[in-house]
Amino acid sequence: MATFSAPDLNSKAMPMGNYGNAAVVYGTATPSSGVAGSIYRPVRIPAGMSVTALRIVNDDLDTSGTTFAVKIGYTPVDAGQGPVEDDDYFSAATTILSGVGLTDLRFQPIKFEKDVYVILTVTAPATAFASGNITAIVTGEATGIK
């Protein structure tokens, strides 16, 4: 048998303040259309956050259909500062907005040195769009900017 350790295993248990360094940010967007190419920005991730989880809680935004699709990624708040946009980092095309739901997205943890927005980009329009809430809940570690 072999033992496989993370290269930074012994440096991960970093000192914490009195209240720890776990971080949660969340926000809600309420779009008024479901047209292809529309972008929804429910939350801003602050610089210095290592993101380990993203949950999307949403209303049924397509009352008659099942093909309303979005891809989920991030874009820099200040395009001139970076990072480079990745509009499907958290999820490629998914139809989660076609019904009420809570979705836990799976991805490799990522650290942002600059502020970014979580973006949902419509790839397939809604059949019968109905306005509702899209809430993004981002959890991770507030590690600071290097």
Protein backbone atom coordinates (compact mmCIF):
# COMPACT_ATOMS: atom_id res chain seq x y z
CA MET A 1 0.00 0.00 0.00
CA ALA A 2 1.06 3.56 -0.64
CA THR A 3 0.28 6.82 1.13
CA PHE A 4 -0.54 9.83 -1.02
CA SER A 5 -0.36 13.20 0.72
CA ALA A 6 -1.32 16.63 -0.55
CA PRO A 7 1.83 18.69 -1.22
CA ASP A 8 0.64 21.37 1.20
CA LEU A 9 -0.72 18.96 3.82
CA ASN A 10 1.36 20.27 6.71
CA SER A 11 0.79 23.93 5.93
CA LYS A 12 -3.02 23.79 5.72
CA ALA A 13 -3.70 23.97 9.45
CA MET A 14 -3.05 27.69 9.50
CA PRO A 15 -3.56 29.81 12.63
CA MET A 16 -7.05 31.23 12.90
CA GLY A 17 -8.41 34.29 14.61
CA ASN A 18 -10.76 33.99 17.56
CA TYR A 19 -13.64 33.18 15.25
CA GLY A 20 -11.88 31.03 12.66
CA ASN A 21 -11.39 31.75 9.00
CA ALA A 22 -14.35 30.00 7.41
CA ALA A 23 -16.25 32.31 5.08
CA VAL A 24 -19.73 32.33 3.57
CA VAL A 25 -21.03 34.88 1.08
CA TYR A 26 -24.41 34.76 -0.59
CA GLY A 27 -26.66 36.84 -2.73
CA THR A 28 -29.82 36.70 -4.80
CA ALA A 29 -30.63 37.81 -8.34
CA THR A 30 -34.18 38.09 -9.63
CA PRO A 31 -34.04 38.04 -13.43
CA SER A 32 -36.89 39.39 -15.52
CA SER A 33 -36.18 37.39 -18.69
CA GLY A 34 -34.82 34.04 -19.77
CA VAL A 35 -33.37 34.94 -23.16
CA ALA A 36 -30.29 33.06 -24.45
CA GLY A 37 -27.14 35.01 -23.66
CA SER A 38 -28.58 36.65 -20.54
CA ILE A 39 -26.23 36.74 -17.57
CA TYR A 40 -27.34 36.53 -13.94
CA ARG A 41 -24.92 37.69 -11.22
CA PRO A 42 -26.26 36.68 -7.81
CA VAL A 43 -23.12 37.11 -5.68
CA ARG A 44 -19.69 38.72 -5.53
CA ILE A 45 -16.80 36.64 -4.18
CA PRO A 46 -14.27 38.80 -2.34
CA ALA A 47 -10.55 38.71 -3.11
CA GLY A 48 -8.59 36.38 -0.85
CA MET A 49 -11.27 33.70 -0.64
CA SER A 50 -10.58 30.06 -1.40
CA VAL A 51 -13.89 28.68 -2.64
CA THR A 52 -14.66 25.08 -1.74
CA ALA A 53 -18.43 24.91 -2.30
CA LEU A 54 -21.16 26.62 -4.29
CA ARG A 55 -24.86 25.99 -3.81
CA ILE A 56 -27.62 27.38 -6.00
CA VAL A 57 -31.13 27.71 -4.57
CA ASN A 58 -33.71 28.72 -7.15
CA ASP A 59 -37.38 29.15 -7.91
CA ASP A 60 -39.00 27.58 -10.98
CA LEU A 61 -38.01 30.03 -13.72
CA ASP A 62 -39.47 27.98 -16.61
CA THR A 63 -43.04 27.06 -15.72
CA SER A 64 -43.77 25.05 -18.88
CA GLY A 65 -40.43 23.63 -19.83
CA THR A 66 -37.47 21.52 -18.88
CA THR A 67 -34.82 22.83 -21.27
CA PHE A 68 -34.01 26.24 -19.72
CA ALA A 69 -30.23 25.85 -19.42
CA VAL A 70 -27.41 27.87 -17.91
CA LYS A 71 -23.69 27.41 -17.43
CA ILE A 72 -22.20 28.58 -14.15
CA GLY A 73 -18.84 30.26 -13.78
CA TYR A 74 -17.17 33.48 -12.74
CA THR A 75 -16.09 36.78 -14.21
CA PRO A 76 -13.79 39.44 -12.75
CA VAL A 77 -15.36 42.52 -11.20
CA ASP A 78 -12.64 44.59 -12.89
CA ALA A 79 -11.82 42.97 -16.24
CA GLY A 80 -8.50 44.80 -16.43
CA GLN A 81 -7.32 43.30 -13.15
CA GLY A 82 -8.15 39.61 -13.76
CA PRO A 83 -8.63 36.77 -13.36
CA VAL A 84 -9.61 35.62 -16.82
CA GLU A 85 -13.33 34.83 -17.03
CA ASP A 86 -14.32 31.17 -16.94
CA ASP A 87 -18.06 31.07 -17.61
CA ASP A 88 -18.48 27.34 -16.93
CA TYR A 89 -15.92 26.63 -14.18
CA PHE A 90 -18.54 25.53 -11.66
CA SER A 91 -20.86 23.77 -14.12
CA ALA A 92 -21.31 23.28 -17.86
CA ALA A 93 -24.84 23.57 -19.27
CA THR A 94 -27.41 22.51 -16.68
CA THR A 95 -31.20 22.80 -16.54
CA ILE A 96 -31.46 23.50 -12.79
CA LEU A 97 -33.59 26.64 -13.30
CA SER A 98 -36.38 24.64 -14.98
CA GLY A 99 -37.76 23.71 -11.56
CA VAL A 100 -37.49 24.65 -7.90
CA GLY A 101 -34.22 23.33 -6.57
CA LEU A 102 -31.16 23.27 -4.40
CA THR A 103 -28.01 22.27 -6.29
CA ASP A 104 -24.59 21.51 -4.82
CA LEU A 105 -21.97 22.04 -7.51
CA ARG A 106 -18.81 19.93 -7.70
CA PHE A 107 -15.45 21.43 -8.69
CA GLN A 108 -11.84 21.67 -7.60
CA PRO A 109 -11.32 24.37 -4.94
CA ILE A 110 -10.22 27.70 -6.36
CA LYS A 111 -8.69 30.81 -4.80
CA PHE A 112 -9.49 34.26 -6.09
CA GLU A 113 -6.85 36.99 -5.69
CA LYS A 114 -9.28 39.58 -7.10
CA ASP A 115 -13.03 40.06 -6.62
CA VAL A 116 -15.21 38.05 -9.02
CA TYR A 117 -18.91 37.64 -9.70
CA VAL A 118 -20.55 34.23 -9.87
CA ILE A 119 -22.34 34.23 -13.24
CA LEU A 120 -25.07 32.07 -14.69
CA THR A 121 -25.14 32.45 -18.49
CA VAL A 122 -28.30 31.32 -20.30
CA THR A 123 -27.42 28.79 -23.02
CA ALA A 124 -30.97 27.65 -23.89
CA PRO A 125 -33.93 30.02 -23.41
CA ALA A 126 -36.89 29.37 -21.15
CA THR A 127 -40.05 27.98 -22.74
CA ALA A 128 -42.32 30.02 -20.44
CA PHE A 129 -40.15 32.28 -18.29
CA ALA A 130 -41.41 33.24 -14.83
CA SER A 131 -39.47 35.69 -12.70
CA GLY A 132 -38.09 34.24 -9.49
CA ASN A 133 -35.07 34.20 -7.24
CA ILE A 134 -31.66 32.64 -7.86
CA THR A 135 -29.57 32.55 -4.70
CA ALA A 136 -25.90 31.58 -4.76
CA ILE A 137 -24.24 30.50 -1.51
CA VAL A 138 -20.44 30.41 -1.65
CA THR A 139 -18.44 28.78 1.14
CA GLY A 140 -14.74 28.50 1.64
CA GLU A 141 -11.82 29.87 3.55
CA ALA A 142 -10.81 33.49 3.97
CA THR A 143 -7.08 33.06 3.40
CA GLY A 144 -6.27 36.62 2.36
CA ILE A 145 -4.42 38.08 -0.61
CA LYS A 146 -0.79 37.22 -1.21
